[in-house]
Amino acid sequence: MRKRVAWIVIGLILAFTIGIEVYKGGEKLPWAILFAAVVVFFVYSLWRKR
């Protein structure tokens, strides 16, 4: 159950970040995807340590 909640939160953060970058300007989209991937990796690594 907690795993599903964590993935939903990660998905929302990812969608929100990409949405903001698309709204600001399409040319920044690769950076938004890269940033989102880093955030997901960081959250996942923190979550694995628990």
Protein backbone atom coordinates (compact mmCIF):
# COMPACT_ATOMS: atom_id res chain seq x y z
CA MET A 1 0.00 0.00 0.00
CA ARG A 2 2.74 2.48 0.94
CA LYS A 3 4.58 1.61 -2.26
CA ARG A 4 1.55 2.62 -4.34
CA VAL A 5 1.20 5.91 -2.43
CA ALA A 6 4.88 6.69 -2.98
CA TRP A 7 4.56 6.09 -6.74
CA ILE A 8 1.45 8.30 -6.92
CA VAL A 9 3.31 11.12 -5.15
CA ILE A 10 6.33 10.71 -7.45
CA GLY A 11 4.04 10.72 -10.49
CA LEU A 12 2.32 13.90 -9.34
CA ILE A 13 5.65 15.67 -8.73
CA LEU A 14 6.86 14.57 -12.16
CA ALA A 15 3.68 15.70 -13.94
CA PHE A 16 3.65 19.01 -12.05
CA THR A 17 7.30 19.76 -12.86
CA ILE A 18 6.93 18.92 -16.56
CA GLY A 19 3.66 20.89 -16.70
CA ILE A 20 5.33 24.02 -15.29
CA GLU A 21 8.23 23.75 -17.75
CA VAL A 22 5.90 23.24 -20.73
CA TYR A 23 3.86 26.27 -19.59
CA LYS A 24 7.03 28.42 -19.28
CA GLY A 25 8.44 27.34 -22.62
CA GLY A 26 8.66 24.18 -24.72
CA GLU A 27 12.41 24.53 -25.32
CA LYS A 28 13.05 23.69 -21.67
CA LEU A 29 11.25 20.34 -21.86
CA PRO A 30 14.42 18.14 -21.95
CA TRP A 31 15.66 19.88 -18.80
CA ALA A 32 12.29 19.31 -17.11
CA ILE A 33 12.44 15.59 -17.94
CA LEU A 34 16.05 15.39 -16.69
CA PHE A 35 15.15 17.21 -13.46
CA ALA A 36 12.12 14.97 -12.94
CA ALA A 37 14.27 11.86 -13.46
CA VAL A 38 16.80 13.13 -10.88
CA VAL A 39 13.98 13.85 -8.40
CA VAL A 40 12.50 10.38 -8.92
CA PHE A 41 15.92 8.72 -8.47
CA PHE A 42 16.62 10.76 -5.31
CA VAL A 43 13.22 10.00 -3.75
CA TYR A 44 13.52 6.31 -4.67
CA SER A 45 17.02 6.03 -3.15
CA LEU A 46 15.83 7.73 0.07
CA TRP A 47 12.78 5.47 0.19
CA ARG A 48 14.92 2.33 -0.28
CA LYS A 49 17.04 3.21 2.78
CA ARG A 50 14.01 3.01 5.11
